[in-house]
């Protein structure tokens, strides 16, 4: 299993709408995540900083992430959410949500 933590900013003018749509995530997007072995997925907001956490329980992380990215419903979801977000300055090339290192874990 792989645990992933990521950060991005929500644009202040979109904060309420971002939370509203995430209260009703499209079922097809949720099914795509499940089909590609993503579980225990949460997004937290602290001010304008969003922190997401999920676990990948599949055998091929890169293939599952590519499968999610190729899904038409997920692509449409991202067209809605991406204008509401902005990268943190630490984001690297090709990175939208910035992956942060895990510094502690307790099972």
PDB file of N, CA and C in Angstrom:
ATOM      1  N   UNK A   1       0.850  -1.184   0.000  1.00  0.00           N
ATOM      2  CA  UNK A   1       0.000   0.000   0.000  1.00  0.00           C
ATOM      3  C   UNK A   1       0.890   1.241   0.000  1.00  0.00           C
ATOM      4  N   UNK A   2       0.443   2.243  -0.728  1.00  0.00           N
ATOM      5  CA  UNK A   2       1.132   3.533  -0.787  1.00  0.00           C
ATOM      6  C   UNK A   2       0.205   4.588  -0.187  1.00  0.00           C
ATOM      7  N   UNK A   3       0.739   5.389   0.738  1.00  0.00           N
ATOM      8  CA  UNK A   3       0.004   6.535   1.303  1.00  0.00           C
ATOM      9  C   UNK A   3       0.511   7.796   0.618  1.00  0.00           C
ATOM     10  N   UNK A   4      -0.423   8.660   0.195  1.00  0.00           N
ATOM     11  CA  UNK A   4      -0.046   9.868  -0.535  1.00  0.00           C
ATOM     12  C   UNK A   4      -0.690  11.073   0.125  1.00  0.00           C
ATOM     13  N   UNK A   5       0.129  12.070   0.469  1.00  0.00           N
ATOM     14  CA  UNK A   5      -0.349  13.362   0.955  1.00  0.00           C
ATOM     15  C   UNK A   5       0.049  14.434  -0.043  1.00  0.00           C
ATOM     16  N   UNK A   6      -0.876  15.339  -0.331  1.00  0.00           N
ATOM     17  CA  UNK A   6      -0.626  16.384  -1.330  1.00  0.00           C
ATOM     18  C   UNK A   6      -1.237  17.702  -0.870  1.00  0.00           C
ATOM     19  N   UNK A   7      -0.695  18.794  -1.382  1.00  0.00           N
ATOM     20  CA  UNK A   7      -1.245  20.116  -1.084  1.00  0.00           C
ATOM     21  C   UNK A   7      -1.429  20.927  -2.358  1.00  0.00           C
ATOM     22  N   UNK A   8      -2.407  21.834  -2.289  1.00  0.00           N
ATOM     23  CA  UNK A   8      -2.678  22.813  -3.338  1.00  0.00           C
ATOM     24  C   UNK A   8      -3.470  23.928  -2.667  1.00  0.00           C
ATOM     25  N   UNK A   9      -3.584  25.046  -3.299  1.00  0.00           N
ATOM     26  CA  UNK A   9      -4.390  26.136  -2.750  1.00  0.00           C
ATOM     27  C   UNK A   9      -5.740  26.188  -3.448  1.00  0.00           C
ATOM     28  N   UNK A  10      -6.762  26.540  -2.678  1.00  0.00           N
ATOM     29  CA  UNK A  10      -8.060  26.844  -3.280  1.00  0.00           C
ATOM     30  C   UNK A  10      -8.126  28.366  -3.385  1.00  0.00           C
ATOM     31  N   UNK A  11      -8.549  28.845  -4.514  1.00  0.00           N
ATOM     32  CA  UNK A  11      -8.680  30.303  -4.685  1.00  0.00           C
ATOM     33  C   UNK A  11      -9.780  30.789  -3.736  1.00  0.00           C
ATOM     34  N   UNK A  12      -9.503  31.838  -2.963  1.00  0.00           N
ATOM     35  CA  UNK A  12     -10.466  32.281  -1.931  1.00  0.00           C
ATOM     36  C   UNK A  12     -11.875  32.517  -2.467  1.00  0.00           C
ATOM     37  N   UNK A  13     -11.983  33.034  -3.680  1.00  0.00           N
ATOM     38  CA  UNK A  13     -13.304  33.324  -4.237  1.00  0.00           C
ATOM     39  C   UNK A  13     -14.068  32.056  -4.622  1.00  0.00           C
ATOM     40  N   UNK A  14     -13.389  30.908  -4.616  1.00  0.00           N
ATOM     41  CA  UNK A  14     -14.025  29.641  -4.983  1.00  0.00           C
ATOM     42  C   UNK A  14     -14.166  28.681  -3.800  1.00  0.00           C
ATOM     43  N   UNK A  15     -13.780  29.119  -2.630  1.00  0.00           N
ATOM     44  CA  UNK A  15     -13.754  28.231  -1.471  1.00  0.00           C
ATOM     45  C   UNK A  15     -15.106  27.563  -1.220  1.00  0.00           C
ATOM     46  N   UNK A  16     -16.182  28.338  -1.168  1.00  0.00           N
ATOM     47  CA  UNK A  16     -17.506  27.774  -0.872  1.00  0.00           C
ATOM     48  C   UNK A  16     -17.967  26.820  -1.970  1.00  0.00           C
ATOM     49  N   UNK A  17     -17.765  27.189  -3.213  1.00  0.00           N
ATOM     50  CA  UNK A  17     -18.179  26.324  -4.323  1.00  0.00           C
ATOM     51  C   UNK A  17     -17.364  25.039  -4.338  1.00  0.00           C
ATOM     52  N   UNK A  18     -16.091  25.122  -4.055  1.00  0.00           N
ATOM     53  CA  UNK A  18     -15.236  23.943  -4.014  1.00  0.00           C
ATOM     54  C   UNK A  18     -15.745  22.957  -2.966  1.00  0.00           C
ATOM     55  N   UNK A  19     -16.081  23.449  -1.806  1.00  0.00           N
ATOM     56  CA  UNK A  19     -16.599  22.580  -0.752  1.00  0.00           C
ATOM     57  C   UNK A  19     -17.981  22.032  -1.115  1.00  0.00           C
ATOM     58  N   UNK A  20     -18.802  22.850  -1.759  1.00  0.00           N
ATOM     59  CA  UNK A  20     -20.139  22.400  -2.148  1.00  0.00           C
ATOM     60  C   UNK A  20     -20.061  21.238  -3.132  1.00  0.00           C
ATOM     61  N   UNK A  21     -19.248  21.363  -4.162  1.00  0.00           N
ATOM     62  CA  UNK A  21     -19.192  20.293  -5.154  1.00  0.00           C
ATOM     63  C   UNK A  21     -18.542  19.032  -4.585  1.00  0.00           C
ATOM     64  N   UNK A  22     -17.643  19.198  -3.635  1.00  0.00           N
ATOM     65  CA  UNK A  22     -17.034  18.008  -3.034  1.00  0.00           C
ATOM     66  C   UNK A  22     -17.974  17.316  -2.044  1.00  0.00           C
ATOM     67  N   UNK A  23     -19.017  17.982  -1.638  1.00  0.00           N
ATOM     68  CA  UNK A  23     -20.040  17.331  -0.818  1.00  0.00           C
ATOM     69  C   UNK A  23     -20.901  16.405  -1.678  1.00  0.00           C
ATOM     70  N   UNK A  24     -20.818  16.574  -3.003  1.00  0.00           N
ATOM     71  CA  UNK A  24     -21.604  15.771  -3.945  1.00  0.00           C
ATOM     72  C   UNK A  24     -20.749  15.366  -5.147  1.00  0.00           C
ATOM     73  N   UNK A  25     -19.619  14.729  -4.886  1.00  0.00           N
ATOM     74  CA  UNK A  25     -18.728  14.314  -5.978  1.00  0.00           C
ATOM     75  C   UNK A  25     -19.484  13.375  -6.914  1.00  0.00           C
ATOM     76  N   UNK A  26     -19.269  13.546  -8.191  1.00  0.00           N
ATOM     77  CA  UNK A  26     -19.959  12.733  -9.187  1.00  0.00           C
ATOM     78  C   UNK A  26     -19.684  11.253  -8.941  1.00  0.00           C
ATOM     79  N   UNK A  27     -20.711  10.418  -8.948  1.00  0.00           N
ATOM     80  CA  UNK A  27     -20.533   8.979  -8.715  1.00  0.00           C
ATOM     81  C   UNK A  27     -19.542   8.326  -9.688  1.00  0.00           C
ATOM     82  N   UNK A  28     -19.521   8.749 -10.934  1.00  0.00           N
ATOM     83  CA  UNK A  28     -18.598   8.152 -11.908  1.00  0.00           C
ATOM     84  C   UNK A  28     -17.143   8.427 -11.538  1.00  0.00           C
ATOM     85  N   UNK A  29     -16.878   9.594 -10.962  1.00  0.00           N
ATOM     86  CA  UNK A  29     -15.515   9.926 -10.525  1.00  0.00           C
ATOM     87  C   UNK A  29     -15.124   9.038  -9.346  1.00  0.00           C
ATOM     88  N   UNK A  30     -16.037   8.861  -8.413  1.00  0.00           N
ATOM     89  CA  UNK A  30     -15.763   7.994  -7.262  1.00  0.00           C
ATOM     90  C   UNK A  30     -15.514   6.555  -7.706  1.00  0.00           C
ATOM     91  N   UNK A  31     -16.308   6.082  -8.654  1.00  0.00           N
ATOM     92  CA  UNK A  31     -16.131   4.719  -9.155  1.00  0.00           C
ATOM     93  C   UNK A  31     -14.785   4.558  -9.848  1.00  0.00           C
ATOM     94  N   UNK A  32     -14.357   5.571 -10.593  1.00  0.00           N
ATOM     95  CA  UNK A  32     -13.045   5.513 -11.251  1.00  0.00           C
ATOM     96  C   UNK A  32     -11.931   5.415 -10.217  1.00  0.00           C
ATOM     97  N   UNK A  33     -12.027   6.185  -9.158  1.00  0.00           N
ATOM     98  CA  UNK A  33     -11.019   6.101  -8.104  1.00  0.00           C
ATOM     99  C   UNK A  33     -10.986   4.698  -7.498  1.00  0.00           C
ATOM    100  N   UNK A  34     -12.148   4.167  -7.195  1.00  0.00           N
ATOM    101  CA  UNK A  34     -12.204   2.820  -6.610  1.00  0.00           C
ATOM    102  C   UNK A  34     -11.653   1.760  -7.570  1.00  0.00           C
ATOM    103  N   UNK A  35     -12.024   1.861  -8.842  1.00  0.00           N
ATOM    104  CA  UNK A  35     -11.587   0.898  -9.849  1.00  0.00           C
ATOM    105  C   UNK A  35     -10.057   0.902  -9.993  1.00  0.00           C
ATOM    106  N   UNK A  36      -9.458   2.052  -9.699  1.00  0.00           N
ATOM    107  CA  UNK A  36      -8.002   2.179  -9.812  1.00  0.00           C
ATOM    108  C   UNK A  36      -7.325   2.141  -8.442  1.00  0.00           C
ATOM    109  N   UNK A  37      -7.979   1.470  -7.500  1.00  0.00           N
ATOM    110  CA  UNK A  37      -7.372   1.093  -6.217  1.00  0.00           C
ATOM    111  C   UNK A  37      -7.051   2.268  -5.289  1.00  0.00           C
ATOM    112  N   UNK A  38      -7.808   3.357  -5.373  1.00  0.00           N
ATOM    113  CA  UNK A  38      -7.658   4.479  -4.450  1.00  0.00           C
ATOM    114  C   UNK A  38      -8.701   4.324  -3.350  1.00  0.00           C
ATOM    115  N   UNK A  39      -8.245   4.329  -2.114  1.00  0.00           N
ATOM    116  CA  UNK A  39      -9.132   4.186  -0.967  1.00  0.00           C
ATOM    117  C   UNK A  39      -8.774   5.240   0.084  1.00  0.00           C
ATOM    118  N   UNK A  40      -9.648   5.359   1.064  1.00  0.00           N
ATOM    119  CA  UNK A  40      -9.384   6.214   2.218  1.00  0.00           C
ATOM    120  C   UNK A  40      -8.959   7.622   1.782  1.00  0.00           C
ATOM    121  N   UNK A  41      -9.694   8.190   0.849  1.00  0.00           N
ATOM    122  CA  UNK A  41      -9.353   9.491   0.250  1.00  0.00           C
ATOM    123  C   UNK A  41     -10.078  10.596   1.001  1.00  0.00           C
ATOM    124  N   UNK A  42      -9.319  11.584   1.456  1.00  0.00           N
ATOM    125  CA  UNK A  42      -9.877  12.740   2.158  1.00  0.00           C
ATOM    126  C   UNK A  42      -9.214  14.008   1.658  1.00  0.00           C
ATOM    127  N   UNK A  43      -9.955  15.112   1.688  1.00  0.00           N
ATOM    128  CA  UNK A  43      -9.384  16.438   1.440  1.00  0.00           C
ATOM    129  C   UNK A  43      -9.754  17.306   2.633  1.00  0.00           C
ATOM    130  N   UNK A  44      -8.762  17.982   3.185  1.00  0.00           N
ATOM    131  CA  UNK A  44      -8.949  18.895   4.305  1.00  0.00           C
ATOM    132  C   UNK A  44      -8.614  20.307   3.832  1.00  0.00           C
ATOM    133  N   UNK A  45      -9.240  21.300   4.453  1.00  0.00           N
ATOM    134  CA  UNK A  45      -8.933  22.693   4.133  1.00  0.00           C
ATOM    135  C   UNK A  45      -8.486  23.411   5.391  1.00  0.00           C
ATOM    136  N   UNK A  46      -7.374  24.123   5.282  1.00  0.00           N
ATOM    137  CA  UNK A  46      -6.861  24.983   6.346  1.00  0.00           C
ATOM    138  C   UNK A  46      -6.646  26.359   5.725  1.00  0.00           C
ATOM    139  N   UNK A  47      -7.547  27.289   6.000  1.00  0.00           N
ATOM    140  CA  UNK A  47      -7.504  28.570   5.294  1.00  0.00           C
ATOM    141  C   UNK A  47      -7.727  28.294   3.821  1.00  0.00           C
ATOM    142  N   UNK A  48      -6.771  28.702   3.002  1.00  0.00           N
ATOM    143  CA  UNK A  48      -6.870  28.453   1.564  1.00  0.00           C
ATOM    144  C   UNK A  48      -6.004  27.275   1.115  1.00  0.00           C
ATOM    145  N   UNK A  49      -5.396  26.574   2.062  1.00  0.00           N
ATOM    146  CA  UNK A  49      -4.575  25.424   1.730  1.00  0.00           C
ATOM    147  C   UNK A  49      -5.415  24.149   1.810  1.00  0.00           C
ATOM    148  N   UNK A  50      -5.376  23.364   0.736  1.00  0.00           N
ATOM    149  CA  UNK A  50      -6.044  22.070   0.718  1.00  0.00           C
ATOM    150  C   UNK A  50      -4.989  20.988   0.911  1.00  0.00           C
ATOM    151  N   UNK A  51      -5.299  20.023   1.758  1.00  0.00           N
ATOM    152  CA  UNK A  51      -4.437  18.869   1.970  1.00  0.00           C
ATOM    153  C   UNK A  51      -5.244  17.622   1.657  1.00  0.00           C
ATOM    154  N   UNK A  52      -4.734  16.799   0.755  1.00  0.00           N
ATOM    155  CA  UNK A  52      -5.424  15.546   0.444  1.00  0.00           C
ATOM    156  C   UNK A  52      -4.572  14.375   0.905  1.00  0.00           C
ATOM    157  N   UNK A  53      -5.273  13.319   1.259  1.00  0.00           N
ATOM    158  CA  UNK A  53      -4.633  12.077   1.659  1.00  0.00           C
ATOM    159  C   UNK A  53      -5.407  10.928   1.037  1.00  0.00           C
ATOM    160  N   UNK A  54      -4.686   9.983   0.456  1.00  0.00           N
ATOM    161  CA  UNK A  54      -5.334   8.770  -0.018  1.00  0.00           C
ATOM    162  C   UNK A  54      -4.356   7.612   0.063  1.00  0.00           C
ATOM    163  N   UNK A  55      -4.919   6.437  -0.050  1.00  0.00           N
ATOM    164  CA  UNK A  55      -4.114   5.229  -0.068  1.00  0.00           C
ATOM    165  C   UNK A  55      -4.343   4.510  -1.395  1.00  0.00           C
ATOM    166  N   UNK A  56      -3.271   4.049  -1.976  1.00  0.00           N
ATOM    167  CA  UNK A  56      -3.342   3.255  -3.200  1.00  0.00           C
ATOM    168  C   UNK A  56      -3.030   1.821  -2.816  1.00  0.00           C
ATOM    169  N   UNK A  57      -3.976   0.917  -3.097  1.00  0.00           N
ATOM    170  CA  UNK A  57      -3.826  -0.476  -2.675  1.00  0.00           C
ATOM    171  C   UNK A  57      -3.613  -1.425  -3.865  1.00  0.00           C
ATOM    172  N   UNK A  58      -3.339  -0.888  -5.020  1.00  0.00           N
ATOM    173  CA  UNK A  58      -3.102  -1.712  -6.201  1.00  0.00           C
ATOM    174  C   UNK A  58      -1.644  -2.105  -6.342  1.00  0.00           C
ATOM    175  N   UNK A  59      -1.357  -2.811  -7.428  1.00  0.00           N
ATOM    176  CA  UNK A  59      -0.005  -3.299  -7.701  1.00  0.00           C
ATOM    177  C   UNK A  59       0.812  -2.341  -8.571  1.00  0.00           C
ATOM    178  N   UNK A  60       0.121  -1.487  -9.363  1.00  0.00           N
ATOM    179  CA  UNK A  60       0.831  -0.620 -10.306  1.00  0.00           C
ATOM    180  C   UNK A  60       0.305   0.810 -10.179  1.00  0.00           C
ATOM    181  N   UNK A  61       0.953   1.580  -9.336  1.00  0.00           N
ATOM    182  CA  UNK A  61       0.526   2.951  -9.041  1.00  0.00           C
ATOM    183  C   UNK A  61       0.478   3.798 -10.313  1.00  0.00           C
ATOM    184  N   UNK A  62       1.555   3.775 -11.089  1.00  0.00           N
ATOM    185  CA  UNK A  62       1.609   4.620 -12.284  1.00  0.00           C
ATOM    186  C   UNK A  62       0.500   4.275 -13.269  1.00  0.00           C
ATOM    187  N   UNK A  63       0.234   3.002 -13.475  1.00  0.00           N
ATOM    188  CA  UNK A  63      -0.839   2.598 -14.395  1.00  0.00           C
ATOM    189  C   UNK A  63      -2.199   3.032 -13.860  1.00  0.00           C
ATOM    190  N   UNK A  64      -2.416   2.901 -12.557  1.00  0.00           N
ATOM    191  CA  UNK A  64      -3.696   3.328 -11.988  1.00  0.00           C
ATOM    192  C   UNK A  64      -3.873   4.842 -12.092  1.00  0.00           C
ATOM    193  N   UNK A  65      -2.823   5.605 -11.844  1.00  0.00           N
ATOM    194  CA  UNK A  65      -2.933   7.060 -11.963  1.00  0.00           C
ATOM    195  C   UNK A  65      -3.196   7.462 -13.421  1.00  0.00           C
ATOM    196  N   UNK A  66      -2.568   6.761 -14.365  1.00  0.00           N
ATOM    197  CA  UNK A  66      -2.818   7.022 -15.783  1.00  0.00           C
ATOM    198  C   UNK A  66      -4.250   6.668 -16.152  1.00  0.00           C
ATOM    199  N   UNK A  67      -4.770   5.592 -15.585  1.00  0.00           N
ATOM    200  CA  UNK A  67      -6.155   5.206 -15.840  1.00  0.00           C
ATOM    201  C   UNK A  67      -7.143   6.234 -15.338  1.00  0.00           C
ATOM    202  N   UNK A  68      -6.865   6.785 -14.172  1.00  0.00           N
ATOM    203  CA  UNK A  68      -7.719   7.843 -13.633  1.00  0.00           C
ATOM    204  C   UNK A  68      -7.664   9.062 -14.544  1.00  0.00           C
ATOM    205  N   UNK A  69      -6.464   9.444 -14.940  1.00  0.00           N
ATOM    206  CA  UNK A  69      -6.294  10.635 -15.783  1.00  0.00           C
ATOM    207  C   UNK A  69      -6.942  10.466 -17.153  1.00  0.00           C
ATOM    208  N   UNK A  70      -7.060   9.240 -17.640  1.00  0.00           N
ATOM    209  CA  UNK A  70      -7.646   8.986 -18.958  1.00  0.00           C
ATOM    210  C   UNK A  70      -9.169   8.912 -18.929  1.00  0.00           C
ATOM    211  N   UNK A  71      -9.751   8.826 -17.759  1.00  0.00           N
ATOM    212  CA  UNK A  71     -11.200   8.675 -17.637  1.00  0.00           C
ATOM    213  C   UNK A  71     -11.920   9.966 -18.047  1.00  0.00           C
ATOM    214  N   UNK A  72     -12.868   9.902 -18.986  1.00  0.00           N
ATOM    215  CA  UNK A  72     -13.556  11.114 -19.455  1.00  0.00           C
ATOM    216  C   UNK A  72     -14.323  11.855 -18.354  1.00  0.00           C
ATOM    217  N   UNK A  73     -14.981  11.131 -17.445  1.00  0.00           N
ATOM    218  CA  UNK A  73     -15.709  11.808 -16.363  1.00  0.00           C
ATOM    219  C   UNK A  73     -14.747  12.530 -15.425  1.00  0.00           C
ATOM    220  N   UNK A  74     -13.624  11.901 -15.141  1.00  0.00           N
ATOM    221  CA  UNK A  74     -12.622  12.545 -14.289  1.00  0.00           C
ATOM    222  C   UNK A  74     -12.044  13.771 -14.984  1.00  0.00           C
ATOM    223  N   UNK A  75     -11.816  13.681 -16.274  1.00  0.00           N
ATOM    224  CA  UNK A  75     -11.320  14.847 -17.015  1.00  0.00           C
ATOM    225  C   UNK A  75     -12.305  16.009 -16.938  1.00  0.00           C
ATOM    226  N   UNK A  76     -13.606  15.715 -17.055  1.00  0.00           N
ATOM    227  CA  UNK A  76     -14.613  16.775 -16.938  1.00  0.00           C
ATOM    228  C   UNK A  76     -14.645  17.334 -15.518  1.00  0.00           C
ATOM    229  N   UNK A  77     -14.503  16.466 -14.510  1.00  0.00           N
ATOM    230  CA  UNK A  77     -14.452  16.921 -13.110  1.00  0.00           C
ATOM    231  C   UNK A  77     -13.273  17.878 -12.910  1.00  0.00           C
ATOM    232  N   UNK A  78     -12.123  17.510 -13.466  1.00  0.00           N
ATOM    233  CA  UNK A  78     -10.948  18.373 -13.341  1.00  0.00           C
ATOM    234  C   UNK A  78     -11.145  19.706 -14.060  1.00  0.00           C
ATOM    235  N   UNK A  79     -11.904  19.726 -15.152  1.00  0.00           N
ATOM    236  CA  UNK A  79     -12.189  20.998 -15.827  1.00  0.00           C
ATOM    237  C   UNK A  79     -12.988  21.926 -14.921  1.00  0.00           C
ATOM    238  N   UNK A  80     -13.804  21.346 -14.049  1.00  0.00           N
ATOM    239  CA  UNK A  80     -14.581  22.139 -13.090  1.00  0.00           C
ATOM    240  C   UNK A  80     -13.700  22.588 -11.934  1.00  0.00           C
ATOM    241  N   UNK A  81     -12.892  21.678 -11.395  1.00  0.00           N
ATOM    242  CA  UNK A  81     -12.148  21.986 -10.162  1.00  0.00           C
ATOM    243  C   UNK A  81     -10.850  22.757 -10.388  1.00  0.00           C
ATOM    244  N   UNK A  82     -10.163  22.514 -11.483  1.00  0.00           N
ATOM    245  CA  UNK A  82      -8.854  23.144 -11.668  1.00  0.00           C
ATOM    246  C   UNK A  82      -8.880  24.670 -11.649  1.00  0.00           C
ATOM    247  N   UNK A  83      -9.875  25.342 -12.241  1.00  0.00           N
ATOM    248  CA  UNK A  83      -9.883  26.805 -12.146  1.00  0.00           C
ATOM    249  C   UNK A  83     -10.071  27.318 -10.714  1.00  0.00           C
ATOM    250  N   UNK A  84     -10.532  26.460  -9.823  1.00  0.00           N
ATOM    251  CA  UNK A  84     -10.736  26.839  -8.431  1.00  0.00           C
ATOM    252  C   UNK A  84      -9.457  26.707  -7.613  1.00  0.00           C
ATOM    253  N   UNK A  85      -8.442  26.100  -8.207  1.00  0.00           N
ATOM    254  CA  UNK A  85      -7.207  25.796  -7.491  1.00  0.00           C
ATOM    255  C   UNK A  85      -6.039  26.583  -8.063  1.00  0.00           C
ATOM    256  N   UNK A  86      -4.970  26.681  -7.246  1.00  0.00           N
ATOM    257  CA  UNK A  86      -3.702  27.192  -7.740  1.00  0.00           C
ATOM    258  C   UNK A  86      -2.579  26.432  -7.050  1.00  0.00           C
ATOM    259  N   UNK A  87      -1.543  26.159  -7.798  1.00  0.00           N
ATOM    260  CA  UNK A  87      -0.427  25.396  -7.271  1.00  0.00           C
ATOM    261  C   UNK A  87       0.267  26.133  -6.140  1.00  0.00           C
ATOM    262  N   UNK A  88       0.857  25.368  -5.246  1.00  0.00           N
ATOM    263  CA  UNK A  88       1.749  25.960  -4.260  1.00  0.00           C
ATOM    264  C   UNK A  88       3.085  26.199  -4.944  1.00  0.00           C
ATOM    265  N   UNK A  89       3.880  27.118  -4.410  1.00  0.00           N
ATOM    266  CA  UNK A  89       5.143  27.475  -5.075  1.00  0.00           C
ATOM    267  C   UNK A  89       6.109  26.291  -5.146  1.00  0.00           C
ATOM    268  N   UNK A  90       5.948  25.315  -4.273  1.00  0.00           N
ATOM    269  CA  UNK A  90       6.850  24.168  -4.250  1.00  0.00           C
ATOM    270  C   UNK A  90       6.552  23.131  -5.328  1.00  0.00           C
ATOM    271  N   UNK A  91       5.448  23.262  -6.029  1.00  0.00           N
ATOM    272  CA  UNK A  91       5.059  22.267  -7.040  1.00  0.00           C
ATOM    273  C   UNK A  91       6.133  22.158  -8.116  1.00  0.00           C
ATOM    274  N   UNK A  92       6.456  20.937  -8.453  1.00  0.00           N
ATOM    275  CA  UNK A  92       7.470  20.691  -9.472  1.00  0.00           C
ATOM    276  C   UNK A  92       6.870  20.616 -10.863  1.00  0.00           C
ATOM    277  N   UNK A  93       7.722  20.454 -11.837  1.00  0.00           N
ATOM    278  CA  UNK A  93       7.275  20.309 -13.226  1.00  0.00           C
ATOM    279  C   UNK A  93       6.342  19.111 -13.343  1.00  0.00           C
ATOM    280  N   UNK A  94       5.222  19.306 -14.011  1.00  0.00           N
ATOM    281  CA  UNK A  94       4.265  18.241 -14.218  1.00  0.00           C
ATOM    282  C   UNK A  94       3.436  17.892 -12.991  1.00  0.00           C
ATOM    283  N   UNK A  95       3.568  18.673 -11.949  1.00  0.00           N
ATOM    284  CA  UNK A  95       2.864  18.392 -10.699  1.00  0.00           C
ATOM    285  C   UNK A  95       1.782  19.452 -10.501  1.00  0.00           C
ATOM    286  N   UNK A  96       0.546  19.050 -10.334  1.00  0.00           N
ATOM    287  CA  UNK A  96      -0.545  19.994 -10.032  1.00  0.00           C
ATOM    288  C   UNK A  96      -0.686  20.069  -8.519  1.00  0.00           C
ATOM    289  N   UNK A  97      -1.172  19.002  -7.898  1.00  0.00           N
ATOM    290  CA  UNK A  97      -1.120  18.885  -6.442  1.00  0.00           C
ATOM    291  C   UNK A  97       0.328  18.527  -6.098  1.00  0.00           C
ATOM    292  N   UNK A  98       0.910  19.208  -5.129  1.00  0.00           N
ATOM    293  CA  UNK A  98       2.291  18.950  -4.710  1.00  0.00           C
ATOM    294  C   UNK A  98       2.320  17.824  -3.679  1.00  0.00           C
ATOM    295  N   UNK A  99       3.047  16.754  -3.985  1.00  0.00           N
ATOM    296  CA  UNK A  99       3.183  15.628  -3.066  1.00  0.00           C
ATOM    297  C   UNK A  99       4.120  16.031  -1.928  1.00  0.00           C
ATOM    298  N   UNK A 100       3.675  15.782  -0.702  1.00  0.00           N
ATOM    299  CA  UNK A 100       4.487  16.129   0.471  1.00  0.00           C
ATOM    300  C   UNK A 100       5.009  14.834   1.118  1.00  0.00           C
ATOM    301  N   UNK A 101       6.184  14.908   1.726  1.00  0.00           N
ATOM    302  CA  UNK A 101       6.739  13.695   2.332  1.00  0.00           C
ATOM    303  C   UNK A 101       6.022  13.328   3.623  1.00  0.00           C
ATOM    304  N   UNK A 102       5.906  12.049   3.835  1.00  0.00           N
ATOM    305  CA  UNK A 102       5.362  11.559   5.088  1.00  0.00           C
ATOM    306  C   UNK A 102       6.489  11.582   6.117  1.00  0.00           C
ATOM    307  N   UNK A 103       6.230  12.178   7.277  1.00  0.00           N
ATOM    308  CA  UNK A 103       7.255  12.233   8.318  1.00  0.00           C
ATOM    309  C   UNK A 103       6.933  11.371   9.524  1.00  0.00           C
ATOM    310  N   UNK A 104       5.693  10.883   9.609  1.00  0.00           N
ATOM    311  CA  UNK A 104       5.317  10.013  10.713  1.00  0.00           C
ATOM    312  C   UNK A 104       4.078   9.228  10.339  1.00  0.00           C
ATOM    313  N   UNK A 105       4.029   7.987  10.788  1.00  0.00           N
ATOM    314  CA  UNK A 105       2.839   7.158  10.580  1.00  0.00           C
ATOM    315  C   UNK A 105       2.740   6.157  11.716  1.00  0.00           C
ATOM    316  N   UNK A 106       1.515   5.933  12.188  1.00  0.00           N
ATOM    317  CA  UNK A 106       1.250   4.917  13.211  1.00  0.00           C
ATOM    318  C   UNK A 106       0.062   4.096  12.760  1.00  0.00           C
ATOM    319  N   UNK A 107       0.213   2.805  12.663  1.00  0.00           N
ATOM    320  CA  UNK A 107      -0.903   1.905  12.373  1.00  0.00           C
ATOM    321  C   UNK A 107      -1.555   1.490  13.671  1.00  0.00           C
TER     322      UNK A 107
END
